[in-house]
């Protein structure tokens, strides 16, 4: 994974942690998602505009896949570092998510990112893990906490069900209608709303960054 930033604030630690988590990330990805594909992702850390209401986003431009992180959020405090790691894991999960509805995709990415992060934090002790996860949840937008709970509920119902659904969607064995029903029932929605998350006006993500 190529990490570039415009503020030298903890990016080396992020890179080292992501490299350590490489096998864990691949365990949640479909079989065709290789180390080469993972390392082909471009991670960019820079200050987002003040009007931007998120701290991470994923998009594809000119066949290149980018995971972007708000550097202002990264430098806030110690707990924010782990939230930043969770955000990056969420963005990486987008690169191998084949679910077609916006909300089901977000549920999948929240499930993957929290699962990997919690496994990573176990070595630091259960009390520490719980404190970090709680701090991330408390600081997260309400809708993403709902996505996280839905993903956890699905996993409790059937282990790795989200990975199976993603694999079925990849192999075109999961209809869009059935995908909607699964998530609408859990979210208690009449329909899934379509969000137009276009980043056509994103900055040039190939120039002006320092490679870590």
N, C-alpha and C. Protein backbone atom coordinates (compact mmCIF):
# COMPACT_ATOMS: atom_id res chain seq x y z
N UNK A 1 0.84 -1.20 0.00
CA UNK A 1 0.00 0.00 0.00
C UNK A 1 0.87 1.24 0.00
N UNK A 2 0.58 2.14 -0.88
CA UNK A 2 1.35 3.37 -1.00
C UNK A 2 0.66 4.47 -0.20
N UNK A 3 1.30 4.91 0.88
CA UNK A 3 0.73 5.95 1.73
C UNK A 3 1.45 7.26 1.48
N UNK A 4 0.69 8.29 1.15
CA UNK A 4 1.26 9.62 0.99
C UNK A 4 0.48 10.59 1.86
N UNK A 5 1.20 11.60 2.36
CA UNK A 5 0.54 12.57 3.23
C UNK A 5 1.12 13.96 3.02
N UNK A 6 0.41 14.94 3.51
CA UNK A 6 0.92 16.30 3.47
C UNK A 6 1.23 16.82 4.86
N UNK A 7 1.01 16.02 5.87
CA UNK A 7 1.38 16.35 7.25
C UNK A 7 2.03 15.11 7.84
N UNK A 8 3.28 15.25 8.33
CA UNK A 8 3.97 14.09 8.89
C UNK A 8 3.49 13.90 10.32
N UNK A 9 2.32 13.33 10.48
CA UNK A 9 1.72 13.10 11.78
C UNK A 9 1.18 11.68 11.83
N UNK A 10 1.98 10.78 12.36
CA UNK A 10 1.61 9.38 12.56
C UNK A 10 1.40 8.56 11.29
N UNK A 11 1.69 9.02 10.10
CA UNK A 11 1.44 8.19 8.92
C UNK A 11 2.32 6.94 8.88
N UNK A 12 3.57 7.05 9.41
CA UNK A 12 4.45 5.88 9.42
C UNK A 12 3.88 4.78 10.31
N UNK A 13 3.31 5.19 11.44
CA UNK A 13 2.70 4.21 12.33
C UNK A 13 1.50 3.56 11.65
N UNK A 14 0.71 4.36 10.94
CA UNK A 14 -0.43 3.82 10.21
C UNK A 14 0.03 2.81 9.17
N UNK A 15 1.07 3.16 8.44
CA UNK A 15 1.57 2.25 7.41
C UNK A 15 2.04 0.94 8.03
N UNK A 16 2.80 1.03 9.12
CA UNK A 16 3.30 -0.18 9.78
C UNK A 16 2.16 -1.05 10.29
N UNK A 17 1.14 -0.42 10.87
CA UNK A 17 0.00 -1.19 11.39
C UNK A 17 -0.78 -1.83 10.24
N UNK A 18 -0.96 -1.12 9.14
CA UNK A 18 -1.68 -1.68 8.00
C UNK A 18 -0.91 -2.84 7.38
N UNK A 19 0.41 -2.72 7.32
CA UNK A 19 1.22 -3.82 6.79
C UNK A 19 1.10 -5.04 7.70
N UNK A 20 1.06 -4.80 9.01
CA UNK A 20 0.90 -5.91 9.96
C UNK A 20 -0.47 -6.58 9.80
N UNK A 21 -1.47 -5.78 9.39
CA UNK A 21 -2.84 -6.28 9.27
C UNK A 21 -3.15 -6.83 7.87
N UNK A 22 -2.16 -6.89 7.01
CA UNK A 22 -2.39 -7.30 5.62
C UNK A 22 -3.10 -8.65 5.51
N UNK A 23 -2.61 -9.65 6.24
CA UNK A 23 -3.23 -10.98 6.18
C UNK A 23 -4.66 -10.95 6.71
N UNK A 24 -4.88 -10.17 7.77
CA UNK A 24 -6.23 -10.06 8.33
C UNK A 24 -7.19 -9.43 7.33
N UNK A 25 -6.73 -8.41 6.62
CA UNK A 25 -7.56 -7.76 5.61
C UNK A 25 -7.92 -8.74 4.51
N UNK A 26 -6.94 -9.50 4.04
CA UNK A 26 -7.17 -10.45 2.95
C UNK A 26 -8.12 -11.57 3.38
N UNK A 27 -8.16 -11.88 4.69
CA UNK A 27 -9.07 -12.92 5.18
C UNK A 27 -10.53 -12.52 5.01
N UNK A 28 -10.81 -11.22 4.92
CA UNK A 28 -12.18 -10.73 4.75
C UNK A 28 -12.52 -10.46 3.28
N UNK A 29 -11.53 -10.57 2.42
CA UNK A 29 -11.73 -10.28 1.00
C UNK A 29 -12.03 -11.56 0.22
N UNK A 30 -12.68 -11.43 -0.93
CA UNK A 30 -12.92 -12.61 -1.79
C UNK A 30 -11.60 -13.24 -2.22
N UNK A 31 -11.65 -14.47 -2.67
CA UNK A 31 -10.44 -15.21 -3.00
C UNK A 31 -9.63 -14.55 -4.13
N UNK A 32 -10.32 -13.86 -5.02
CA UNK A 32 -9.61 -13.26 -6.16
C UNK A 32 -8.91 -11.96 -5.79
N UNK A 33 -9.11 -11.49 -4.55
CA UNK A 33 -8.49 -10.25 -4.11
C UNK A 33 -7.13 -10.57 -3.53
N UNK A 34 -6.09 -10.24 -4.27
CA UNK A 34 -4.74 -10.65 -3.93
C UNK A 34 -3.96 -9.55 -3.20
N UNK A 35 -2.79 -9.92 -2.71
CA UNK A 35 -1.89 -8.94 -2.08
C UNK A 35 -1.54 -7.85 -3.08
N UNK A 36 -1.38 -8.23 -4.33
CA UNK A 36 -1.05 -7.26 -5.38
C UNK A 36 -2.15 -6.20 -5.49
N UNK A 37 -3.40 -6.61 -5.44
CA UNK A 37 -4.51 -5.66 -5.52
C UNK A 37 -4.54 -4.75 -4.29
N UNK A 38 -4.30 -5.34 -3.14
CA UNK A 38 -4.29 -4.55 -1.90
C UNK A 38 -3.17 -3.51 -1.94
N UNK A 39 -2.00 -3.93 -2.38
CA UNK A 39 -0.86 -3.02 -2.43
C UNK A 39 -1.00 -1.98 -3.53
N UNK A 40 -1.94 -2.22 -4.46
CA UNK A 40 -2.16 -1.26 -5.54
C UNK A 40 -3.03 -0.08 -5.13
N UNK A 41 -3.62 -0.16 -3.93
CA UNK A 41 -4.45 0.95 -3.45
C UNK A 41 -3.57 2.14 -3.08
N UNK A 42 -4.09 3.32 -3.31
CA UNK A 42 -3.36 4.54 -2.99
C UNK A 42 -4.02 5.22 -1.79
N UNK A 43 -3.28 5.32 -0.70
CA UNK A 43 -3.79 5.95 0.51
C UNK A 43 -3.26 7.38 0.57
N UNK A 44 -4.18 8.33 0.74
CA UNK A 44 -3.81 9.74 0.77
C UNK A 44 -4.30 10.38 2.07
N UNK A 45 -3.40 11.08 2.74
CA UNK A 45 -3.73 11.76 3.99
C UNK A 45 -3.51 13.25 3.79
N UNK A 46 -4.59 14.02 3.93
CA UNK A 46 -4.49 15.46 3.73
C UNK A 46 -5.66 16.16 4.44
N UNK A 47 -5.56 17.47 4.68
CA UNK A 47 -6.66 18.18 5.35
C UNK A 47 -7.87 18.33 4.43
N UNK A 48 -9.02 17.83 4.86
CA UNK A 48 -10.24 17.97 4.08
C UNK A 48 -10.77 19.41 4.21
N UNK A 49 -11.52 19.87 3.23
CA UNK A 49 -12.15 21.20 3.34
C UNK A 49 -13.07 21.25 4.56
N UNK A 50 -13.24 22.42 5.13
CA UNK A 50 -14.06 22.58 6.33
C UNK A 50 -15.50 22.14 6.10
N UNK A 51 -15.99 22.32 4.86
CA UNK A 51 -17.39 21.97 4.58
C UNK A 51 -17.59 20.46 4.41
N UNK A 52 -16.50 19.70 4.33
CA UNK A 52 -16.61 18.25 4.19
C UNK A 52 -17.06 17.65 5.51
N UNK A 53 -18.11 16.82 5.48
CA UNK A 53 -18.68 16.28 6.72
C UNK A 53 -18.23 14.86 7.04
N UNK A 54 -17.18 14.39 6.37
CA UNK A 54 -16.66 13.07 6.68
C UNK A 54 -15.15 13.15 6.87
N UNK A 55 -14.57 12.11 7.43
CA UNK A 55 -13.13 12.08 7.66
C UNK A 55 -12.42 11.03 6.81
N UNK A 56 -13.18 10.33 5.98
CA UNK A 56 -12.62 9.30 5.09
C UNK A 56 -13.52 9.13 3.89
N UNK A 57 -12.93 8.87 2.74
CA UNK A 57 -13.74 8.45 1.60
C UNK A 57 -12.91 7.63 0.63
N UNK A 58 -13.60 6.79 -0.12
CA UNK A 58 -13.00 5.90 -1.10
C UNK A 58 -13.59 6.21 -2.46
N UNK A 59 -12.76 6.26 -3.47
CA UNK A 59 -13.28 6.43 -4.82
C UNK A 59 -12.25 5.97 -5.84
N UNK A 60 -12.74 5.76 -7.06
CA UNK A 60 -11.89 5.34 -8.18
C UNK A 60 -11.82 6.46 -9.19
N UNK A 61 -10.62 6.77 -9.63
CA UNK A 61 -10.42 7.81 -10.63
C UNK A 61 -9.31 7.38 -11.58
N UNK A 62 -9.61 7.40 -12.88
CA UNK A 62 -8.64 6.98 -13.89
C UNK A 62 -8.10 5.58 -13.60
N UNK A 63 -9.02 4.70 -13.17
CA UNK A 63 -8.71 3.29 -12.87
C UNK A 63 -7.81 3.11 -11.65
N UNK A 64 -7.58 4.18 -10.92
CA UNK A 64 -6.79 4.10 -9.71
C UNK A 64 -7.73 4.23 -8.51
N UNK A 65 -7.52 3.39 -7.50
CA UNK A 65 -8.38 3.40 -6.33
C UNK A 65 -7.69 4.13 -5.17
N UNK A 66 -8.45 5.07 -4.58
CA UNK A 66 -7.91 5.90 -3.51
C UNK A 66 -8.71 5.73 -2.22
N UNK A 67 -7.98 5.68 -1.11
CA UNK A 67 -8.59 5.75 0.22
C UNK A 67 -8.01 7.02 0.85
N UNK A 68 -8.88 7.98 1.14
CA UNK A 68 -8.42 9.28 1.64
C UNK A 68 -8.82 9.47 3.10
N UNK A 69 -7.91 10.05 3.88
CA UNK A 69 -8.13 10.27 5.30
C UNK A 69 -7.86 11.73 5.63
N UNK A 70 -8.74 12.31 6.44
CA UNK A 70 -8.58 13.69 6.87
C UNK A 70 -7.44 13.80 7.89
N UNK A 71 -6.35 14.47 7.53
CA UNK A 71 -5.19 14.57 8.41
C UNK A 71 -5.49 15.36 9.68
N UNK A 72 -6.47 16.27 9.62
CA UNK A 72 -6.84 17.05 10.80
C UNK A 72 -7.40 16.15 11.89
N UNK A 73 -8.16 15.13 11.45
CA UNK A 73 -8.72 14.19 12.41
C UNK A 73 -7.63 13.32 13.01
N UNK A 74 -6.67 12.91 12.19
CA UNK A 74 -5.61 12.03 12.63
C UNK A 74 -4.78 12.63 13.75
N UNK A 75 -4.59 13.94 13.72
CA UNK A 75 -3.72 14.59 14.69
C UNK A 75 -4.43 15.08 15.94
N UNK A 76 -5.69 14.73 16.12
CA UNK A 76 -6.46 15.22 17.27
C UNK A 76 -5.92 14.72 18.61
N UNK A 77 -5.93 13.39 18.80
CA UNK A 77 -5.47 12.84 20.07
C UNK A 77 -5.16 11.35 19.90
N UNK A 78 -4.76 10.73 20.99
CA UNK A 78 -4.36 9.33 20.97
C UNK A 78 -5.47 8.41 20.49
N UNK A 79 -6.70 8.64 20.98
CA UNK A 79 -7.82 7.80 20.58
C UNK A 79 -8.15 7.98 19.11
N UNK A 80 -7.95 9.20 18.61
CA UNK A 80 -8.25 9.48 17.21
C UNK A 80 -7.37 8.66 16.27
N UNK A 81 -6.18 8.27 16.73
CA UNK A 81 -5.31 7.45 15.87
C UNK A 81 -6.00 6.14 15.52
N UNK A 82 -6.59 5.49 16.52
CA UNK A 82 -7.26 4.21 16.27
C UNK A 82 -8.54 4.39 15.46
N UNK A 83 -9.20 5.54 15.65
CA UNK A 83 -10.35 5.84 14.81
C UNK A 83 -9.90 6.02 13.37
N UNK A 84 -8.75 6.65 13.17
CA UNK A 84 -8.19 6.83 11.83
C UNK A 84 -7.87 5.48 11.20
N UNK A 85 -7.33 4.58 11.99
CA UNK A 85 -7.04 3.23 11.50
C UNK A 85 -8.32 2.53 11.09
N UNK A 86 -9.37 2.69 11.91
CA UNK A 86 -10.67 2.09 11.57
C UNK A 86 -11.23 2.69 10.28
N UNK A 87 -11.09 3.99 10.12
CA UNK A 87 -11.56 4.66 8.90
C UNK A 87 -10.83 4.12 7.67
N UNK A 88 -9.49 3.95 7.79
CA UNK A 88 -8.73 3.45 6.65
C UNK A 88 -9.12 2.00 6.33
N UNK A 89 -9.34 1.20 7.35
CA UNK A 89 -9.78 -0.18 7.13
C UNK A 89 -11.15 -0.20 6.46
N UNK A 90 -12.02 0.74 6.86
CA UNK A 90 -13.34 0.87 6.22
C UNK A 90 -13.15 1.19 4.74
N UNK A 91 -12.27 2.14 4.45
CA UNK A 91 -12.02 2.51 3.05
C UNK A 91 -11.43 1.38 2.25
N UNK A 92 -10.51 0.63 2.84
CA UNK A 92 -9.91 -0.52 2.16
C UNK A 92 -10.96 -1.57 1.85
N UNK A 93 -11.91 -1.76 2.77
CA UNK A 93 -12.97 -2.75 2.57
C UNK A 93 -13.84 -2.41 1.36
N UNK A 94 -13.99 -1.11 1.07
CA UNK A 94 -14.76 -0.70 -0.11
C UNK A 94 -14.15 -1.28 -1.38
N UNK A 95 -12.83 -1.46 -1.38
CA UNK A 95 -12.16 -1.91 -2.60
C UNK A 95 -12.47 -3.35 -2.96
N UNK A 96 -12.96 -4.14 -1.98
CA UNK A 96 -13.33 -5.52 -2.30
C UNK A 96 -14.77 -5.84 -1.92
N UNK A 97 -15.60 -4.80 -1.85
CA UNK A 97 -17.03 -5.00 -1.58
C UNK A 97 -17.79 -5.02 -2.90
N UNK A 98 -18.60 -6.06 -3.10
CA UNK A 98 -19.37 -6.22 -4.35
C UNK A 98 -20.86 -6.03 -4.13
N UNK A 99 -21.27 -5.71 -2.90
CA UNK A 99 -22.68 -5.43 -2.64
C UNK A 99 -23.04 -4.14 -3.35
N UNK A 100 -24.25 -4.09 -3.92
CA UNK A 100 -24.58 -3.00 -4.85
C UNK A 100 -25.34 -1.83 -4.23
N UNK A 101 -25.96 -2.04 -3.09
CA UNK A 101 -26.70 -0.96 -2.45
C UNK A 101 -25.77 -0.18 -1.53
N UNK A 102 -25.93 1.12 -1.50
CA UNK A 102 -25.05 1.97 -0.71
C UNK A 102 -25.03 1.56 0.77
N UNK A 103 -26.22 1.34 1.32
CA UNK A 103 -26.29 1.04 2.75
C UNK A 103 -25.70 -0.34 3.06
N UNK A 104 -26.00 -1.34 2.23
CA UNK A 104 -25.45 -2.67 2.48
C UNK A 104 -23.93 -2.65 2.34
N UNK A 105 -23.42 -1.83 1.44
CA UNK A 105 -21.97 -1.68 1.29
C UNK A 105 -21.36 -1.07 2.56
N UNK A 106 -22.02 -0.06 3.11
CA UNK A 106 -21.51 0.58 4.33
C UNK A 106 -21.57 -0.38 5.52
N UNK A 107 -22.62 -1.19 5.60
CA UNK A 107 -22.72 -2.19 6.67
C UNK A 107 -21.54 -3.16 6.57
N UNK A 108 -21.28 -3.63 5.35
CA UNK A 108 -20.17 -4.56 5.12
C UNK A 108 -18.84 -3.95 5.55
N UNK A 109 -18.59 -2.72 5.14
CA UNK A 109 -17.31 -2.07 5.43
C UNK A 109 -17.14 -1.77 6.92
N UNK A 110 -18.24 -1.41 7.60
CA UNK A 110 -18.16 -1.20 9.04
C UNK A 110 -17.87 -2.52 9.76
N UNK A 111 -18.53 -3.58 9.32
CA UNK A 111 -18.30 -4.90 9.93
C UNK A 111 -16.85 -5.33 9.75
N UNK A 112 -16.33 -5.19 8.55
CA UNK A 112 -14.95 -5.60 8.26
C UNK A 112 -13.96 -4.77 9.07
N UNK A 113 -14.14 -3.45 9.05
CA UNK A 113 -13.16 -2.58 9.72
C UNK A 113 -13.13 -2.79 11.23
N UNK A 114 -14.30 -2.91 11.85
CA UNK A 114 -14.33 -3.12 13.30
C UNK A 114 -13.82 -4.52 13.67
N UNK A 115 -14.13 -5.50 12.84
CA UNK A 115 -13.67 -6.86 13.12
C UNK A 115 -12.15 -6.94 13.12
N UNK A 116 -11.54 -6.33 12.10
CA UNK A 116 -10.07 -6.34 12.00
C UNK A 116 -9.44 -5.53 13.14
N UNK A 117 -10.02 -4.36 13.41
CA UNK A 117 -9.47 -3.51 14.46
C UNK A 117 -9.55 -4.19 15.83
N UNK A 118 -10.68 -4.82 16.13
CA UNK A 118 -10.83 -5.45 17.44
C UNK A 118 -9.86 -6.61 17.61
N UNK A 119 -9.64 -7.35 16.53
CA UNK A 119 -8.66 -8.44 16.58
C UNK A 119 -7.26 -7.87 16.82
N UNK A 120 -6.96 -6.76 16.18
CA UNK A 120 -5.68 -6.10 16.31
C UNK A 120 -5.46 -5.59 17.75
N UNK A 121 -6.52 -5.10 18.38
CA UNK A 121 -6.42 -4.52 19.72
C UNK A 121 -6.38 -5.55 20.84
N UNK A 122 -6.73 -6.79 20.53
CA UNK A 122 -6.76 -7.83 21.55
C UNK A 122 -5.41 -8.00 22.24
N UNK A 123 -4.33 -7.82 21.46
CA UNK A 123 -3.00 -8.02 22.05
C UNK A 123 -2.66 -6.95 23.08
N UNK A 124 -3.41 -5.86 23.07
CA UNK A 124 -3.18 -4.77 24.03
C UNK A 124 -4.04 -4.91 25.28
N UNK A 125 -4.84 -5.97 25.32
CA UNK A 125 -5.66 -6.22 26.50
C UNK A 125 -7.13 -5.91 26.26
N UNK A 126 -8.00 -6.68 26.91
CA UNK A 126 -9.44 -6.55 26.71
C UNK A 126 -9.95 -5.20 27.16
N UNK A 127 -9.46 -4.70 28.30
CA UNK A 127 -9.92 -3.41 28.82
C UNK A 127 -9.57 -2.28 27.84
N UNK A 128 -8.37 -2.32 27.30
CA UNK A 128 -7.93 -1.31 26.34
C UNK A 128 -8.77 -1.39 25.07
N UNK A 129 -9.00 -2.62 24.61
CA UNK A 129 -9.80 -2.81 23.39
C UNK A 129 -11.19 -2.22 23.55
N UNK A 130 -11.84 -2.52 24.66
CA UNK A 130 -13.19 -2.02 24.90
C UNK A 130 -13.21 -0.49 24.96
N UNK A 131 -12.21 0.09 25.61
CA UNK A 131 -12.16 1.55 25.76
C UNK A 131 -11.99 2.23 24.39
N UNK A 132 -11.13 1.67 23.56
CA UNK A 132 -10.88 2.26 22.23
C UNK A 132 -12.12 2.14 21.35
N UNK A 133 -12.71 0.96 21.32
CA UNK A 133 -13.90 0.76 20.48
C UNK A 133 -15.04 1.67 20.93
N UNK A 134 -15.22 1.79 22.24
CA UNK A 134 -16.27 2.66 22.76
C UNK A 134 -16.03 4.11 22.37
N UNK A 135 -14.77 4.55 22.42
CA UNK A 135 -14.46 5.93 22.05
C UNK A 135 -14.73 6.19 20.57
N UNK A 136 -14.45 5.20 19.72
CA UNK A 136 -14.71 5.35 18.28
C UNK A 136 -16.20 5.41 18.02
N UNK A 137 -16.94 4.51 18.67
CA UNK A 137 -18.40 4.48 18.50
C UNK A 137 -19.03 5.79 18.96
N UNK A 138 -18.58 6.31 20.09
CA UNK A 138 -19.14 7.56 20.62
C UNK A 138 -18.89 8.75 19.70
N UNK A 139 -17.78 8.71 18.97
CA UNK A 139 -17.43 9.82 18.09
C UNK A 139 -17.96 9.65 16.66
N UNK A 140 -18.51 8.49 16.36
CA UNK A 140 -18.97 8.20 15.00
C UNK A 140 -20.38 8.73 14.76
N UNK A 141 -20.71 9.04 13.51
CA UNK A 141 -22.07 9.46 13.18
C UNK A 141 -23.07 8.36 13.52
N UNK A 142 -24.28 8.75 13.89
CA UNK A 142 -25.30 7.82 14.33
C UNK A 142 -25.58 6.73 13.29
N UNK A 143 -25.66 7.13 12.01
CA UNK A 143 -26.00 6.14 10.99
C UNK A 143 -24.94 5.06 10.86
N UNK A 144 -23.67 5.42 11.08
CA UNK A 144 -22.62 4.41 10.97
C UNK A 144 -22.60 3.49 12.18
N UNK A 145 -23.03 3.99 13.32
CA UNK A 145 -23.18 3.11 14.48
C UNK A 145 -24.30 2.10 14.24
N UNK A 146 -25.34 2.54 13.53
CA UNK A 146 -26.43 1.63 13.17
C UNK A 146 -25.91 0.56 12.22
N UNK A 147 -25.12 0.97 11.23
CA UNK A 147 -24.55 0.00 10.28
C UNK A 147 -23.68 -1.02 11.02
N UNK A 148 -22.90 -0.54 11.98
CA UNK A 148 -22.04 -1.42 12.76
C UNK A 148 -22.87 -2.45 13.53
N UNK A 149 -23.95 -1.98 14.16
CA UNK A 149 -24.80 -2.89 14.94
C UNK A 149 -25.49 -3.91 14.03
N UNK A 150 -25.92 -3.46 12.85
CA UNK A 150 -26.56 -4.39 11.90
C UNK A 150 -25.57 -5.46 11.47
N UNK A 151 -24.34 -5.05 11.16
CA UNK A 151 -23.32 -6.02 10.76
C UNK A 151 -23.04 -7.02 11.87
N UNK A 152 -22.98 -6.53 13.10
CA UNK A 152 -22.73 -7.41 14.25
C UNK A 152 -23.90 -8.36 14.45
N UNK A 153 -25.12 -7.85 14.27
CA UNK A 153 -26.31 -8.69 14.45
C UNK A 153 -26.35 -9.80 13.40
N UNK A 154 -26.00 -9.44 12.16
CA UNK A 154 -25.96 -10.45 11.10
C UNK A 154 -24.92 -11.53 11.41
N UNK A 155 -23.76 -11.10 11.89
CA UNK A 155 -22.68 -12.04 12.19
C UNK A 155 -23.06 -12.95 13.34
N UNK A 156 -23.79 -12.42 14.31
CA UNK A 156 -24.24 -13.24 15.44
C UNK A 156 -25.27 -14.28 14.98
N UNK A 157 -26.06 -13.88 14.00
CA UNK A 157 -27.08 -14.78 13.48
C UNK A 157 -26.45 -15.92 12.70
N UNK A 158 -25.47 -15.59 11.88
CA UNK A 158 -24.75 -16.59 11.10
C UNK A 158 -23.32 -16.10 10.88
N UNK A 159 -22.36 -16.83 11.40
CA UNK A 159 -20.95 -16.43 11.33
C UNK A 159 -20.51 -16.19 9.88
N UNK A 160 -19.91 -15.02 9.65
CA UNK A 160 -19.35 -14.62 8.35
C UNK A 160 -20.40 -14.51 7.25
N UNK A 161 -21.65 -14.26 7.63
CA UNK A 161 -22.72 -14.16 6.65
C UNK A 161 -22.47 -13.00 5.67
N UNK A 162 -21.91 -11.89 6.15
CA UNK A 162 -21.65 -10.76 5.28
C UNK A 162 -20.59 -11.09 4.23
N UNK A 163 -19.59 -11.89 4.62
CA UNK A 163 -18.58 -12.30 3.66
C UNK A 163 -19.19 -13.22 2.60
N UNK A 164 -20.12 -14.07 3.04
CA UNK A 164 -20.80 -14.97 2.11
C UNK A 164 -21.68 -14.18 1.15
N UNK A 165 -22.41 -13.18 1.68
CA UNK A 165 -23.26 -12.35 0.83
C UNK A 165 -22.42 -11.58 -0.19
N UNK A 166 -21.28 -11.09 0.27
CA UNK A 166 -20.39 -10.35 -0.63
C UNK A 166 -19.86 -11.26 -1.74
N UNK A 167 -19.51 -12.49 -1.36
CA UNK A 167 -19.02 -13.45 -2.34
C UNK A 167 -20.11 -13.81 -3.36
N UNK A 168 -21.34 -13.96 -2.85
CA UNK A 168 -22.46 -14.27 -3.76
C UNK A 168 -22.73 -13.11 -4.70
N UNK A 169 -22.62 -11.89 -4.18
CA UNK A 169 -22.83 -10.71 -5.02
C UNK A 169 -21.74 -10.63 -6.09
N UNK A 170 -20.51 -10.94 -5.71
CA UNK A 170 -19.40 -10.93 -6.67
C UNK A 170 -19.63 -11.93 -7.80
N UNK A 171 -20.14 -13.10 -7.44
CA UNK A 171 -20.38 -14.16 -8.42
C UNK A 171 -21.77 -14.08 -9.06
N UNK A 172 -22.46 -12.94 -8.81
CA UNK A 172 -23.79 -12.67 -9.38
C UNK A 172 -24.81 -13.74 -9.00
N UNK A 173 -24.69 -14.22 -7.77
CA UNK A 173 -25.63 -15.21 -7.25
C UNK A 173 -26.55 -14.62 -6.19
N UNK A 174 -26.49 -13.30 -6.03
CA UNK A 174 -27.34 -12.60 -5.07
C UNK A 174 -28.07 -11.50 -5.82
N UNK A 175 -29.37 -11.61 -5.92
CA UNK A 175 -30.14 -10.61 -6.65
C UNK A 175 -30.15 -9.30 -5.86
N UNK A 176 -30.29 -8.21 -6.59
CA UNK A 176 -30.33 -6.90 -5.96
C UNK A 176 -31.56 -6.80 -5.05
N UNK A 177 -32.65 -7.41 -5.45
CA UNK A 177 -33.88 -7.39 -4.65
C UNK A 177 -33.69 -8.09 -3.31
N UNK A 178 -33.04 -9.28 -3.33
CA UNK A 178 -32.82 -10.01 -2.09
C UNK A 178 -31.85 -9.26 -1.19
N UNK A 179 -30.85 -8.64 -1.80
CA UNK A 179 -29.90 -7.84 -1.01
C UNK A 179 -30.63 -6.72 -0.29
N UNK A 180 -31.55 -6.07 -0.98
CA UNK A 180 -32.34 -5.00 -0.37
C UNK A 180 -33.15 -5.51 0.80
N UNK A 181 -33.81 -6.66 0.60
CA UNK A 181 -34.69 -7.21 1.63
C UNK A 181 -33.93 -7.53 2.91
N UNK A 182 -32.74 -8.14 2.76
CA UNK A 182 -31.94 -8.52 3.93
C UNK A 182 -31.63 -7.32 4.80
N UNK A 183 -31.20 -6.22 4.18
CA UNK A 183 -30.77 -5.07 4.94
C UNK A 183 -31.92 -4.16 5.35
N UNK A 184 -32.93 -4.08 4.52
CA UNK A 184 -34.09 -3.25 4.88
C UNK A 184 -34.80 -3.78 6.12
N UNK A 185 -34.90 -5.10 6.21
CA UNK A 185 -35.57 -5.70 7.36
C UNK A 185 -34.81 -5.39 8.65
N UNK A 186 -33.50 -5.45 8.58
CA UNK A 186 -32.70 -5.18 9.77
C UNK A 186 -32.69 -3.70 10.13
N UNK A 187 -32.70 -2.85 9.12
CA UNK A 187 -32.68 -1.41 9.36
C UNK A 187 -34.08 -0.84 9.53
N UNK A 188 -35.09 -1.71 9.29
CA UNK A 188 -36.50 -1.31 9.41
C UNK A 188 -36.82 -0.13 8.49
N UNK A 189 -36.35 -0.23 7.26
CA UNK A 189 -36.61 0.81 6.26
C UNK A 189 -37.57 0.29 5.21
N UNK A 190 -38.33 1.19 4.62
CA UNK A 190 -39.21 0.82 3.52
C UNK A 190 -38.41 0.71 2.22
N UNK A 191 -37.35 1.47 2.14
CA UNK A 191 -36.50 1.42 0.96
C UNK A 191 -35.12 1.95 1.31
N UNK A 192 -34.14 1.62 0.49
CA UNK A 192 -32.81 2.14 0.67
C UNK A 192 -32.66 3.40 -0.15
N UNK A 193 -32.10 4.43 0.46
CA UNK A 193 -31.92 5.69 -0.26
C UNK A 193 -30.63 5.64 -1.06
N UNK A 194 -30.66 6.19 -2.26
CA UNK A 194 -29.47 6.26 -3.09
C UNK A 194 -28.73 7.55 -2.77
N UNK A 195 -27.44 7.42 -2.51
CA UNK A 195 -26.60 8.58 -2.22
C UNK A 195 -25.64 8.82 -3.37
N UNK A 196 -25.56 10.06 -3.81
CA UNK A 196 -24.66 10.41 -4.89
C UNK A 196 -23.36 10.94 -4.31
N UNK A 197 -22.44 10.03 -3.97
CA UNK A 197 -21.17 10.43 -3.39
C UNK A 197 -20.14 10.57 -4.50
N UNK A 198 -20.22 11.66 -5.21
CA UNK A 198 -19.29 11.89 -6.32
C UNK A 198 -18.14 12.77 -5.85
N UNK A 199 -16.93 12.35 -6.21
CA UNK A 199 -15.77 13.11 -5.81
C UNK A 199 -14.99 13.58 -7.04
N UNK A 200 -15.74 14.06 -8.05
CA UNK A 200 -15.11 14.53 -9.27
C UNK A 200 -14.24 15.75 -9.01
N UNK A 201 -14.53 16.51 -7.95
CA UNK A 201 -13.77 17.72 -7.66
C UNK A 201 -12.67 17.47 -6.63
N UNK A 202 -12.29 16.21 -6.45
CA UNK A 202 -11.24 15.89 -5.49
C UNK A 202 -9.91 16.48 -5.97
N UNK A 203 -9.01 16.79 -5.03
CA UNK A 203 -7.72 17.36 -5.41
C UNK A 203 -6.87 16.36 -6.18
N UNK A 204 -5.82 16.84 -6.82
CA UNK A 204 -4.89 15.96 -7.51
C UNK A 204 -4.20 15.09 -6.47
N UNK A 205 -4.44 13.79 -6.53
CA UNK A 205 -3.93 12.89 -5.49
C UNK A 205 -2.64 12.18 -5.89
N UNK A 206 -2.00 12.66 -6.95
CA UNK A 206 -0.74 12.10 -7.39
C UNK A 206 0.43 13.07 -7.19
N UNK A 207 0.14 14.32 -6.92
CA UNK A 207 1.19 15.32 -6.77
C UNK A 207 1.07 16.04 -5.43
N UNK A 208 2.20 16.47 -4.90
CA UNK A 208 2.20 17.26 -3.68
C UNK A 208 2.14 16.45 -2.40
N UNK A 209 2.30 15.11 -2.51
CA UNK A 209 2.25 14.25 -1.32
C UNK A 209 3.63 13.65 -1.04
N UNK A 210 3.92 13.46 0.22
CA UNK A 210 5.16 12.82 0.61
C UNK A 210 4.94 11.33 0.80
N UNK A 211 5.73 10.51 0.11
CA UNK A 211 5.58 9.06 0.23
C UNK A 211 6.23 8.57 1.52
N UNK A 212 5.50 7.70 2.24
CA UNK A 212 5.99 7.15 3.51
C UNK A 212 6.48 5.73 3.31
